[in-house]
Amino acid sequence: MKKPMIKKTTQLRNMLMSNELEFLMEAHNGISAKIAEEAGFKGIWGSGLSISAALGVRDNNEASWTQVLEVVEFMSDATTVPILLDGDTGYGNFNNMRRLVTKLEQRGVAGVCIEDKIFPKTNSFLRTEAQPLADIEEFCGKIKAGQDTKLDDDFNIIARVEALIAGWGMGEALKRAEAYRLAGANGILMHSKISKPDEILAFMKEWGERSKTCPIVIVPTKYYATPTQAFRDANVSVCIWANHQMRMAVTSMQKVTKQIFEEQTLMNIEDKIVPVAELFRLQNDKELESAEKLYLSVADADKPRAIFLAASRGADLKELTEDKPKVLIDINGKPLIEQSINSFYDHEIKDISIVTGYKKEAFKFQNIKYVYNENWENTSELSSLLLAKKEIVDNCIISYGDILYRKYILSRLLEEKGDITIVVDATVENRSADYVGDFVTCSRAHTKSWNEDATDLKNISFGKASDCKTAHGEYIGLIKTNKVGSEILCKTLEELSAKPEFNKMKLPDLMNALLEKKVKINVMYIDGHWMDIDTYADVTRGQKF
């Protein structure tokens, strides 16, 4: 039997009354709220500063309370953990507070924090000495009005004391906190603007046993260098990281936007930011996809599948491949082949097979089909591909496992319409004379035009760059087939398997065999932005790719 979900209000109440220090992470819209939950936070702070900043206005009640309410509704819908809304002053008098509590409960928000300042408020870290505080009795009336209005006993009303911020001293802070406790506050948020925790720790000492029934919440934005253990030792209940998703988002947006403006291209940015697929995931597109199948009878799209050839050791890398094949060498913090797998995942390609050989037990990827080439030491690429022949159906991509490339290359390849398409790097003039690779001759050279005419493969051969000066480019190790192309390729692969020399054949041999049969092979030109990993120098360059 499925365990019933604990109400969000109860979750937040449990955090407030916990014997452990609990944490709330700032969020300002649905996606940042979901990110906070996925990171592991048990609760969310609906920051007034961050929400107003996201709306492009000042934190002075320039965003109306209904606009804030709309934002926090999306946040609540996107998450299963409780939200404590930064409700400023309650947006008016006791009557506004009553309506606010009603609307928050309707939207599944777990609580609201109100501060004892005058409406419209000013952010606590701006012109602090000039900020007037609300009358204590009037503020207590708001707390009582909210408590009398709520329908859920576990809905939480936190009273935020601004006396230390306004420079009114510890005596006033304690006086107000006690009054708010007696008025029914479910907790006290004690705020401080100094860079040390002295005021907070002094307050906690004076508050004493009252924290067991009226817990204390803090916001260490200014005294961030304080070890968190100090808050635990002082019996603080909840610590709020109050604006850090927004501030980091601004940092990243400024950096990326400036770079795009200056470079006038996305080429150097695309691989450094999350793929669009991650946005779809955070938006829970999978649920909609399932619903479409249930209610609209939508047929599955003909999604491609992928095959990686990864049976060889990579002996030239010596000690780096003693316990694993070269496709599992660490490049930028991840195994080499994992970066290609992730790129396929980003393009919604989930049906992936890897042909393994050397140290097959080193492969630990989940949800991957594995095909084992037990004779990997005495065979080459076509032997491995033949073992995975049943996976070459419909739309399929065949890839070397030891290559790195920018994501746009895969995006473009998936859009190619030919029966069989290979990817060719046209920048062969950059190769040193002794560089070896699979050089190709095509029906025409690359024009570097975005709308150039179709290009066909004429020949492919392995050799030194000095011997292939008339080549139009280098095959990088990516092939795409559609249903027709998969059938032709599989048939030709079977025919080649009868040849005595088959065990030594590579993918270029398969392509030349197709050309002999007058099969058209389309070429998709690129201008660099890829590399293969064969040597120590390649490994070093790959760390900067």
Protein backbone atom coordinates (compact mmCIF):
# COMPACT_ATOMS: atom_id res chain seq x y z
CA MET A 1 0.00 0.00 0.00
CA LYS A 2 1.35 3.41 -0.97
CA LYS A 3 2.45 5.48 2.02
CA PRO A 4 0.36 8.67 2.33
CA MET A 5 2.15 11.93 1.59
CA ILE A 6 2.85 14.09 4.64
CA LYS A 7 1.24 17.51 4.24
CA LYS A 8 3.64 20.27 3.29
CA THR A 9 2.53 22.29 6.29
CA THR A 10 3.33 19.36 8.57
CA GLN A 11 6.70 18.86 6.89
CA LEU A 12 7.63 22.47 7.64
CA ARG A 13 6.31 22.25 11.21
CA ASN A 14 8.44 19.14 11.73
CA MET A 15 11.50 21.03 10.46
CA LEU A 16 10.82 23.90 12.85
CA MET A 17 10.44 21.56 15.82
CA SER A 18 13.28 19.20 14.87
CA ASN A 19 16.12 18.56 17.29
CA GLU A 20 18.49 18.97 14.34
CA LEU A 21 19.44 22.14 12.49
CA GLU A 22 17.37 22.25 9.30
CA PHE A 23 17.94 24.24 6.10
CA LEU A 24 15.77 26.10 3.60
CA MET A 25 17.11 26.99 0.17
CA GLU A 26 16.04 30.12 -1.68
CA ALA A 27 14.01 29.78 -4.86
CA HIS A 28 12.23 32.36 -6.97
CA ASN A 29 10.27 30.43 -9.59
CA GLY A 30 9.14 26.91 -10.41
CA ILE A 31 12.38 25.67 -11.93
CA SER A 32 14.63 27.01 -9.17
CA ALA A 33 12.29 25.46 -6.59
CA LYS A 34 12.57 22.10 -8.30
CA ILE A 35 16.35 22.40 -8.49
CA ALA A 36 16.45 23.09 -4.75
CA GLU A 37 14.36 20.01 -4.03
CA GLU A 38 16.43 17.80 -6.34
CA ALA A 39 19.59 19.00 -4.59
CA GLY A 40 18.21 17.46 -1.41
CA PHE A 41 16.74 20.41 0.47
CA LYS A 42 13.76 19.49 2.64
CA GLY A 43 12.23 22.93 2.31
CA ILE A 44 12.28 26.12 0.25
CA TRP A 45 12.46 29.81 1.09
CA GLY A 46 10.30 31.85 -1.29
CA SER A 47 12.58 34.87 -1.21
CA GLY A 48 10.99 38.28 -1.63
CA LEU A 49 14.28 39.75 -2.83
CA SER A 50 14.80 37.00 -5.42
CA ILE A 51 11.21 36.96 -6.65
CA SER A 52 11.22 40.73 -7.12
CA ALA A 53 14.63 40.55 -8.81
CA ALA A 54 13.35 37.86 -11.19
CA LEU A 55 10.47 40.20 -12.04
CA GLY A 56 12.93 43.05 -12.60
CA VAL A 57 11.64 45.30 -9.82
CA ARG A 58 12.95 46.49 -6.46
CA ASP A 59 12.41 44.70 -3.17
CA ASN A 60 10.10 47.49 -1.98
CA ASN A 61 6.70 45.87 -2.57
CA GLU A 62 6.85 47.03 -6.19
CA ALA A 63 5.65 43.55 -7.12
CA SER A 64 2.08 43.27 -5.88
CA TRP A 65 1.15 40.53 -3.46
CA THR A 66 -0.99 38.84 -6.13
CA GLN A 67 2.01 38.74 -8.48
CA VAL A 68 4.08 37.14 -5.73
CA LEU A 69 1.23 34.73 -5.07
CA GLU A 70 1.20 33.65 -8.72
CA VAL A 71 4.95 32.95 -8.64
CA VAL A 72 4.78 30.93 -5.43
CA GLU A 73 1.85 28.92 -6.82
CA PHE A 74 4.07 27.70 -9.67
CA MET A 75 6.80 26.92 -7.13
CA SER A 76 4.37 24.89 -5.02
CA ASP A 77 3.06 22.98 -8.06
CA ALA A 78 6.60 22.08 -9.12
CA THR A 79 7.70 20.59 -5.79
CA THR A 80 6.74 18.16 -3.04
CA VAL A 81 8.64 19.90 -0.24
CA PRO A 82 7.26 22.78 1.84
CA ILE A 83 7.66 26.45 0.94
CA LEU A 84 8.00 29.20 3.51
CA LEU A 85 7.10 32.42 1.73
CA ASP A 86 8.86 35.66 2.53
CA GLY A 87 5.62 37.61 2.95
CA ASP A 88 7.26 40.99 3.66
CA THR A 89 4.95 42.88 6.08
CA GLY A 90 1.90 40.82 5.20
CA TYR A 91 1.17 43.33 2.40
CA GLY A 92 -0.90 45.65 4.57
CA ASN A 93 -2.85 45.44 7.81
CA PHE A 94 -4.48 42.50 9.61
CA ASN A 95 -7.13 42.20 6.89
CA ASN A 96 -4.57 41.83 4.11
CA MET A 97 -2.87 39.23 6.31
CA ARG A 98 -6.08 37.22 6.61
CA ARG A 99 -6.57 37.15 2.86
CA LEU A 100 -2.91 36.28 2.30
CA VAL A 101 -3.09 33.26 4.59
CA THR A 102 -6.26 32.02 2.89
CA LYS A 103 -4.72 32.28 -0.57
CA LEU A 104 -1.46 30.63 0.48
CA GLU A 105 -3.30 27.68 1.98
CA GLN A 106 -5.29 27.28 -1.23
CA ARG A 107 -2.04 27.01 -3.16
CA GLY A 108 -0.36 24.47 -0.92
CA VAL A 109 2.19 26.87 0.58
CA ALA A 110 3.36 25.65 3.99
CA GLY A 111 3.86 28.96 5.75
CA VAL A 112 4.55 32.65 5.61
CA CYS A 113 7.14 34.83 7.31
CA ILE A 114 6.13 38.43 8.01
CA GLU A 115 8.44 41.20 9.23
CA ASP A 116 7.68 43.96 11.70
CA LYS A 117 8.25 46.91 9.38
CA ILE A 118 5.96 49.44 7.75
CA PHE A 119 4.28 48.76 4.38
CA PRO A 120 5.70 49.32 1.80
CA LYS A 121 8.88 47.72 3.13
CA THR A 122 12.51 48.33 2.14
CA ASN A 123 15.02 45.50 1.92
CA SER A 124 16.70 44.91 5.25
CA PHE A 125 20.18 45.67 3.92
CA LEU A 126 19.28 49.05 2.39
CA ARG A 127 19.24 52.27 4.47
CA THR A 128 18.78 50.17 7.59
CA GLU A 129 18.96 52.93 10.21
CA ALA A 130 16.16 54.86 8.53
CA GLN A 131 13.71 51.98 8.44
CA PRO A 132 10.74 52.46 10.79
CA LEU A 133 9.38 49.45 12.66
CA ALA A 134 5.74 48.53 13.08
CA ASP A 135 3.92 49.07 16.34
CA ILE A 136 4.23 45.91 18.43
CA GLU A 137 0.51 45.61 19.19
CA GLU A 138 -0.42 46.21 15.56
CA PHE A 139 2.01 43.51 14.42
CA CYS A 140 0.74 41.08 17.05
CA GLY A 141 -2.72 41.69 15.63
CA LYS A 142 -1.51 40.49 12.22
CA ILE A 143 -0.13 37.30 13.74
CA LYS A 144 -3.40 36.64 15.59
CA ALA A 145 -5.46 37.40 12.49
CA GLY A 146 -3.42 34.93 10.47
CA GLN A 147 -3.70 32.22 13.11
CA ASP A 148 -7.48 32.73 13.40
CA THR A 149 -7.89 32.58 9.61
CA LYS A 150 -5.93 29.44 8.75
CA LEU A 151 -7.86 26.22 8.21
CA ASP A 152 -4.87 23.93 8.64
CA ASP A 153 -3.53 23.91 12.20
CA ASP A 154 -0.06 23.12 10.83
CA PHE A 155 0.11 26.19 8.58
CA ASN A 156 3.10 28.14 9.87
CA ILE A 157 3.33 31.86 10.64
CA ILE A 158 6.86 33.05 11.36
CA ALA A 159 7.44 36.51 12.83
CA ARG A 160 10.57 38.26 11.61
CA VAL A 161 12.14 40.70 14.07
CA GLU A 162 13.94 43.67 12.47
CA ALA A 163 15.02 45.45 15.66
CA LEU A 164 18.71 44.53 15.26
CA ILE A 165 18.62 45.54 11.59
CA ALA A 166 17.16 48.97 12.45
CA GLY A 167 19.68 49.51 15.26
CA TRP A 168 17.14 49.38 18.10
CA GLY A 169 19.25 47.01 20.18
CA MET A 170 19.02 43.61 21.82
CA GLY A 171 16.50 44.68 24.44
CA GLU A 172 14.01 45.71 21.79
CA ALA A 173 14.67 42.53 19.80
CA LEU A 174 13.91 40.35 22.84
CA LYS A 175 10.85 42.42 23.73
CA ARG A 176 9.38 42.05 20.26
CA ALA A 177 10.22 38.37 19.93
CA GLU A 178 8.49 37.58 23.21
CA ALA A 179 5.41 39.59 22.24
CA TYR A 180 5.18 37.77 18.91
CA ARG A 181 5.61 34.40 20.62
CA LEU A 182 2.71 35.17 22.95
CA ALA A 183 0.63 36.34 19.97
CA GLY A 184 0.93 32.84 18.48
CA ALA A 185 3.89 32.93 16.11
CA ASN A 186 5.09 29.42 15.19
CA GLY A 187 8.65 30.66 15.13
CA ILE A 188 10.82 33.78 15.27
CA LEU A 189 13.16 34.84 12.49
CA MET A 190 15.85 36.94 14.13
CA HIS A 191 17.64 39.06 11.57
CA SER A 192 21.10 40.65 11.80
CA LYS A 193 23.13 42.78 9.41
CA ILE A 194 26.61 42.50 10.97
CA SER A 195 29.31 40.21 9.57
CA LYS A 196 29.74 38.28 12.81
CA PRO A 197 27.16 36.02 14.50
CA ASP A 198 27.53 37.85 17.82
CA GLU A 199 24.02 39.35 17.88
CA ILE A 200 22.37 36.06 16.93
CA LEU A 201 24.34 34.04 19.46
CA ALA A 202 23.64 36.59 22.18
CA PHE A 203 19.93 36.48 21.37
CA MET A 204 19.90 32.67 21.44
CA LYS A 205 21.50 32.71 24.88
CA GLU A 206 18.81 35.07 26.18
CA TRP A 207 15.99 33.21 24.40
CA GLY A 208 17.00 29.98 26.13
CA GLU A 209 14.37 27.31 26.71
CA ARG A 210 11.74 29.22 24.76
CA SER A 211 13.34 27.88 21.55
CA LYS A 212 11.80 24.47 22.35
CA THR A 213 8.27 25.82 21.85
CA CYS A 214 9.00 28.85 19.67
CA PRO A 215 11.95 27.90 17.43
CA ILE A 216 14.40 30.41 15.97
CA VAL A 217 15.08 30.86 12.27
CA ILE A 218 18.14 32.74 10.99
CA VAL A 219 19.38 34.14 7.68
CA PRO A 220 23.22 34.22 7.72
CA THR A 221 23.63 36.22 4.52
CA LYS A 222 25.92 38.77 6.19
CA TYR A 223 27.66 36.46 8.67
CA TYR A 224 28.15 33.68 6.13
CA ALA A 225 31.71 32.91 7.30
CA THR A 226 30.39 31.55 10.58
CA PRO A 227 30.85 27.77 10.89
CA THR A 228 27.46 26.08 10.69
CA GLN A 229 28.25 24.10 13.81
CA ALA A 230 27.99 27.36 15.79
CA PHE A 231 24.33 27.56 14.83
CA ARG A 232 23.77 23.97 15.94
CA ASP A 233 25.49 24.59 19.24
CA ALA A 234 23.26 27.62 19.83
CA ASN A 235 20.07 25.55 19.20
CA VAL A 236 19.03 27.45 16.10
CA SER A 237 16.16 25.57 14.45
CA VAL A 238 16.27 26.57 10.78
CA CYS A 239 18.93 28.25 8.67
CA ILE A 240 17.88 29.95 5.43
CA TRP A 241 20.25 30.30 2.46
CA ALA A 242 18.28 33.30 1.36
CA ASN A 243 19.26 34.48 -2.16
CA HIS A 244 22.01 32.29 -3.53
CA GLN A 245 20.28 30.64 -6.49
CA MET A 246 19.36 34.06 -7.81
CA ARG A 247 22.83 35.50 -7.26
CA MET A 248 24.50 32.54 -8.96
CA ALA A 249 22.01 32.74 -11.83
CA VAL A 250 22.90 36.41 -12.33
CA THR A 251 26.61 35.55 -12.31
CA SER A 252 26.12 32.89 -14.99
CA MET A 253 23.74 34.94 -17.12
CA GLN A 254 26.05 37.94 -17.15
CA LYS A 255 29.05 35.81 -18.12
CA VAL A 256 27.31 33.83 -20.85
CA THR A 257 25.42 36.78 -22.29
CA LYS A 258 28.57 38.91 -22.49
CA GLN A 259 30.48 36.11 -24.21
CA ILE A 260 27.72 35.57 -26.79
CA PHE A 261 27.54 39.31 -27.46
CA GLU A 262 31.30 39.63 -27.95
CA GLU A 263 31.81 36.45 -30.00
CA GLN A 264 28.54 36.60 -31.98
CA THR A 265 28.30 32.81 -31.97
CA LEU A 266 27.02 30.03 -29.75
CA MET A 267 29.85 27.69 -30.70
CA ASN A 268 31.92 28.19 -27.52
CA ILE A 269 28.93 28.27 -25.19
CA GLU A 270 26.65 25.42 -26.14
CA ASP A 271 28.69 22.62 -24.56
CA LYS A 272 29.15 24.59 -21.32
CA ILE A 273 25.47 25.06 -20.49
CA VAL A 274 22.74 22.55 -19.81
CA PRO A 275 21.15 21.09 -22.92
CA VAL A 276 17.59 21.97 -23.78
CA ALA A 277 16.73 18.39 -22.84
CA GLU A 278 17.55 19.20 -19.20
CA LEU A 279 14.97 21.99 -19.26
CA PHE A 280 12.43 19.52 -20.63
CA ARG A 281 13.31 17.12 -17.81
CA LEU A 282 12.91 19.78 -15.14
CA GLN A 283 9.57 20.71 -16.71
CA ASN A 284 8.53 17.04 -16.34
CA ASP A 285 7.90 16.58 -20.03
CA LYS A 286 8.01 12.80 -19.52
CA GLU A 287 4.72 12.97 -17.62
CA LEU A 288 3.10 14.81 -20.53
CA GLU A 289 4.54 12.30 -22.98
CA SER A 290 2.98 9.46 -20.99
CA ALA A 291 -0.31 11.32 -20.77
CA GLU A 292 -0.32 11.88 -24.53
CA LYS A 293 0.04 8.13 -25.07
CA LEU A 294 -2.83 7.51 -22.66
CA TYR A 295 -5.24 10.16 -23.88
CA LEU A 296 -4.21 11.00 -27.43
CA SER A 297 -2.99 7.61 -28.67
CA VAL A 298 0.18 9.28 -29.91
CA ALA A 299 2.48 6.81 -31.64
CA ASP A 300 6.10 6.64 -30.54
CA ALA A 301 8.41 8.65 -32.73
CA ASP A 302 10.95 6.67 -34.70
CA LYS A 303 13.78 7.47 -32.33
CA PRO A 304 17.31 6.53 -33.38
CA ARG A 305 19.45 4.00 -31.57
CA ALA A 306 23.20 4.08 -31.13
CA ILE A 307 26.07 1.60 -31.27
CA PHE A 308 29.51 2.33 -29.84
CA LEU A 309 32.53 0.32 -30.93
CA ALA A 310 34.74 0.06 -27.84
CA ALA A 311 36.41 -3.35 -27.84
CA SER A 312 40.07 -2.35 -28.18
CA ARG A 313 42.47 -1.57 -25.38
CA GLY A 314 44.32 1.46 -26.74
CA ALA A 315 47.74 -0.06 -26.06
CA ASP A 316 49.61 3.11 -27.07
CA LEU A 317 48.37 4.68 -23.83
CA LYS A 318 50.17 1.95 -21.84
CA GLU A 319 49.66 2.36 -18.08
CA LEU A 320 46.51 4.43 -18.58
CA THR A 321 44.83 1.33 -19.98
CA GLU A 322 46.20 -1.30 -17.64
CA ASP A 323 42.89 -1.74 -15.83
CA LYS A 324 40.45 -0.28 -18.35
CA PRO A 325 40.07 0.33 -22.09
CA LYS A 326 40.92 3.77 -23.42
CA VAL A 327 37.25 4.69 -23.86
CA LEU A 328 37.03 4.76 -20.06
CA ILE A 329 40.03 7.06 -19.52
CA ASP A 330 39.06 10.12 -17.50
CA ILE A 331 38.60 13.22 -19.64
CA ASN A 332 37.38 16.36 -17.84
CA GLY A 333 36.16 14.35 -14.87
CA LYS A 334 34.24 11.70 -16.80
CA PRO A 335 35.08 8.56 -18.77
CA LEU A 336 35.65 9.44 -22.42
CA ILE A 337 32.74 7.40 -23.77
CA GLU A 338 30.37 8.70 -21.09
CA GLN A 339 30.56 12.15 -22.63
CA SER A 340 29.26 10.74 -25.91
CA ILE A 341 26.59 8.73 -24.10
CA ASN A 342 25.42 11.88 -22.33
CA SER A 343 25.27 13.69 -25.65
CA PHE A 344 23.02 10.96 -27.02
CA TYR A 345 20.84 11.15 -23.92
CA ASP A 346 20.57 14.91 -24.42
CA HIS A 347 19.18 14.17 -27.87
CA GLU A 348 16.62 11.70 -26.45
CA ILE A 349 18.53 8.68 -27.76
CA LYS A 350 18.22 6.09 -25.00
CA ASP A 351 18.59 2.80 -26.91
CA ILE A 352 22.37 2.46 -26.72
CA SER A 353 24.63 -0.55 -27.25
CA ILE A 354 28.35 -0.82 -26.56
CA VAL A 355 30.52 -3.51 -28.11
CA THR A 356 33.11 -4.30 -25.44
CA GLY A 357 36.22 -6.45 -25.47
CA TYR A 358 39.26 -5.59 -23.38
CA LYS A 359 38.39 -5.35 -19.66
CA LYS A 360 34.67 -5.66 -20.31
CA GLU A 361 34.02 -5.77 -16.57
CA ALA A 362 35.17 -2.14 -16.28
CA PHE A 363 31.99 -0.93 -18.00
CA LYS A 364 29.46 0.03 -15.32
CA PHE A 365 26.95 2.20 -17.19
CA GLN A 366 23.32 1.49 -16.39
CA ASN A 367 20.55 0.98 -18.97
CA ILE A 368 23.07 0.12 -21.70
CA LYS A 369 23.08 -3.00 -23.85
CA TYR A 370 26.47 -4.72 -23.88
CA VAL A 371 27.77 -6.92 -26.68
CA TYR A 372 31.02 -8.78 -25.95
CA ASN A 373 33.67 -9.37 -28.60
CA GLU A 374 35.59 -12.17 -26.91
CA ASN A 375 38.10 -12.26 -29.79
CA TRP A 376 38.85 -8.54 -29.54
CA GLU A 377 42.64 -9.03 -29.65
CA ASN A 378 42.51 -10.69 -33.08
CA THR A 379 39.69 -8.77 -34.73
CA SER A 380 38.89 -5.23 -35.74
CA GLU A 381 35.94 -2.86 -36.09
CA LEU A 382 33.77 -4.80 -38.54
CA SER A 383 33.92 -7.93 -36.41
CA SER A 384 32.65 -5.94 -33.46
CA LEU A 385 29.93 -4.33 -35.57
CA LEU A 386 28.81 -7.73 -36.91
CA LEU A 387 28.20 -8.89 -33.33
CA ALA A 388 25.83 -5.94 -32.86
CA LYS A 389 24.18 -6.38 -36.27
CA LYS A 390 20.72 -6.93 -34.81
CA GLU A 391 20.87 -3.42 -33.34
CA ILE A 392 21.39 -1.87 -36.81
CA VAL A 393 17.75 -1.27 -37.63
CA ASP A 394 15.77 1.77 -38.73
CA ASN A 395 17.50 5.02 -37.68
CA CYS A 396 20.85 4.14 -36.21
CA ILE A 397 24.11 5.91 -35.37
CA ILE A 398 27.36 3.96 -35.32
CA SER A 399 30.18 5.67 -33.45
CA TYR A 400 33.73 5.08 -32.38
CA GLY A 401 33.92 5.09 -28.61
CA ASP A 402 37.12 7.13 -28.39
CA ILE A 403 36.08 10.42 -29.98
CA LEU A 404 35.05 13.78 -28.53
CA TYR A 405 32.91 16.24 -30.46
CA ARG A 406 30.73 19.27 -29.92
CA LYS A 407 27.04 18.54 -29.41
CA TYR A 408 25.95 20.49 -32.48
CA ILE A 409 27.60 17.84 -34.67
CA LEU A 410 25.21 15.18 -33.40
CA SER A 411 22.29 17.60 -33.69
CA ARG A 412 23.08 18.23 -37.34
CA LEU A 413 23.69 14.56 -38.08
CA LEU A 414 20.27 13.61 -36.74
CA GLU A 415 18.70 16.02 -39.23
CA GLU A 416 20.41 14.46 -42.26
CA LYS A 417 17.96 12.73 -44.61
CA GLY A 418 20.24 10.39 -46.57
CA ASP A 419 20.09 6.60 -46.30
CA ILE A 420 23.70 6.55 -45.11
CA THR A 421 25.55 9.65 -43.92
CA ILE A 422 29.07 10.02 -42.56
CA VAL A 423 30.65 13.00 -40.80
CA VAL A 424 33.79 14.46 -42.42
CA ASP A 425 36.09 17.13 -41.02
CA ALA A 426 37.12 19.43 -43.87
CA THR A 427 40.01 21.10 -42.01
CA VAL A 428 42.63 18.68 -43.29
CA GLU A 429 45.04 21.50 -44.07
CA ASN A 430 45.72 21.71 -40.33
CA ARG A 431 47.11 18.17 -40.16
CA SER A 432 50.85 17.62 -39.75
CA ALA A 433 52.57 15.63 -42.51
CA ASP A 434 52.91 12.48 -40.38
CA TYR A 435 49.34 12.61 -39.04
CA VAL A 436 47.43 9.44 -39.91
CA GLY A 437 43.69 9.16 -40.38
CA ASP A 438 40.83 8.03 -42.57
CA PHE A 439 41.00 10.55 -45.42
CA VAL A 440 38.16 10.90 -47.89
CA THR A 441 37.58 12.07 -51.43
CA CYS A 442 34.14 13.48 -52.10
CA SER A 443 32.04 14.71 -55.01
CA ARG A 444 33.11 18.24 -54.15
CA ALA A 445 35.12 20.17 -51.60
CA HIS A 446 33.57 21.87 -48.59
CA THR A 447 32.46 25.40 -49.49
CA LYS A 448 32.02 26.43 -45.82
CA SER A 449 28.56 27.67 -46.76
CA TRP A 450 25.68 26.96 -44.42
CA ASN A 451 23.48 25.90 -47.33
CA GLU A 452 25.98 24.07 -49.53
CA ASP A 453 24.82 21.44 -52.01
CA ALA A 454 24.67 17.75 -51.14
CA THR A 455 27.99 15.93 -51.12
CA ASP A 456 28.68 12.24 -51.83
CA LEU A 457 31.57 10.08 -50.70
CA LYS A 458 33.80 8.79 -53.51
CA ASN A 459 36.60 7.02 -51.65
CA ILE A 460 38.04 6.58 -48.18
CA SER A 461 41.53 5.38 -47.28
CA PHE A 462 43.77 5.20 -44.24
CA GLY A 463 47.13 6.93 -44.49
CA LYS A 464 49.38 9.84 -43.67
CA ALA A 465 48.31 13.39 -44.36
CA SER A 466 51.39 13.82 -46.55
CA ASP A 467 50.12 11.05 -48.81
CA CYS A 468 46.55 12.41 -48.97
CA LYS A 469 47.11 16.01 -50.01
CA THR A 470 44.16 15.96 -52.42
CA ALA A 471 41.72 14.63 -49.81
CA HIS A 472 38.63 16.69 -49.06
CA GLY A 473 38.53 15.77 -45.38
CA GLU A 474 38.85 13.17 -42.66
CA TYR A 475 36.16 10.73 -41.55
CA ILE A 476 35.69 11.28 -37.79
CA GLY A 477 33.98 8.02 -36.81
CA LEU A 478 30.26 8.81 -37.00
CA ILE A 479 27.78 7.11 -39.34
CA LYS A 480 24.01 7.55 -39.47
CA THR A 481 21.60 5.24 -41.27
CA ASN A 482 17.85 5.29 -41.83
CA LYS A 483 15.75 2.16 -42.34
CA VAL A 484 16.87 1.68 -45.95
CA GLY A 485 20.48 2.42 -45.12
CA SER A 486 20.49 0.02 -42.16
CA GLU A 487 19.26 -2.82 -44.37
CA ILE A 488 21.87 -2.11 -47.05
CA LEU A 489 24.66 -1.76 -44.50
CA CYS A 490 23.74 -5.01 -42.70
CA LYS A 491 23.56 -6.96 -45.96
CA THR A 492 26.97 -5.66 -47.06
CA LEU A 493 28.42 -6.41 -43.62
CA GLU A 494 27.26 -10.02 -43.88
CA GLU A 495 28.78 -10.33 -47.35
CA LEU A 496 32.12 -9.03 -46.13
CA SER A 497 32.10 -11.43 -43.18
CA ALA A 498 32.65 -14.32 -45.63
CA LYS A 499 35.99 -12.87 -46.75
CA PRO A 500 39.18 -14.35 -45.21
CA GLU A 501 40.48 -10.90 -44.33
CA PHE A 502 37.25 -9.85 -42.56
CA ASN A 503 38.75 -9.94 -39.05
CA LYS A 504 41.13 -7.13 -40.01
CA MET A 505 38.56 -4.93 -41.74
CA LYS A 506 37.51 -1.52 -40.42
CA LEU A 507 34.59 0.79 -41.06
CA PRO A 508 36.28 2.48 -44.05
CA ASP A 509 36.44 -0.97 -45.70
CA LEU A 510 32.69 -1.28 -45.23
CA MET A 511 32.14 2.13 -46.81
CA ASN A 512 34.34 1.33 -49.80
CA ALA A 513 32.43 -1.94 -50.24
CA LEU A 514 29.19 0.04 -50.28
CA LEU A 515 30.64 2.41 -52.87
CA GLU A 516 31.60 -0.55 -55.07
CA LYS A 517 27.94 -1.56 -55.01
CA LYS A 518 27.02 1.98 -56.16
CA VAL A 519 25.43 2.80 -52.81
CA LYS A 520 25.23 6.53 -52.24
CA ILE A 521 26.91 7.71 -49.03
CA ASN A 522 26.15 11.29 -48.06
CA VAL A 523 28.81 13.48 -46.48
CA MET A 524 28.11 15.96 -43.71
CA TYR A 525 31.02 18.39 -43.56
CA ILE A 526 32.19 19.99 -40.33
CA ASP A 527 35.01 22.44 -39.61
CA GLY A 528 36.90 20.86 -36.70
CA HIS A 529 35.34 20.79 -33.21
CA TRP A 530 36.17 17.12 -32.66
CA MET A 531 39.13 14.94 -31.75
CA ASP A 532 39.99 11.31 -31.15
CA ILE A 533 42.00 10.02 -28.22
CA ASP A 534 44.94 7.88 -29.29
CA THR A 535 48.03 9.30 -27.57
CA TYR A 536 49.14 10.94 -24.33
CA ALA A 537 49.07 14.27 -26.13
CA ASP A 538 45.45 13.62 -27.12
CA VAL A 539 44.55 12.96 -23.48
CA THR A 540 46.12 16.27 -22.48
CA ARG A 541 44.33 18.15 -25.26
CA GLY A 542 41.09 16.42 -24.38
CA GLN A 543 41.16 17.93 -20.89
CA LYS A 544 40.85 21.35 -22.55
CA PHE A 545 38.30 20.33 -25.19
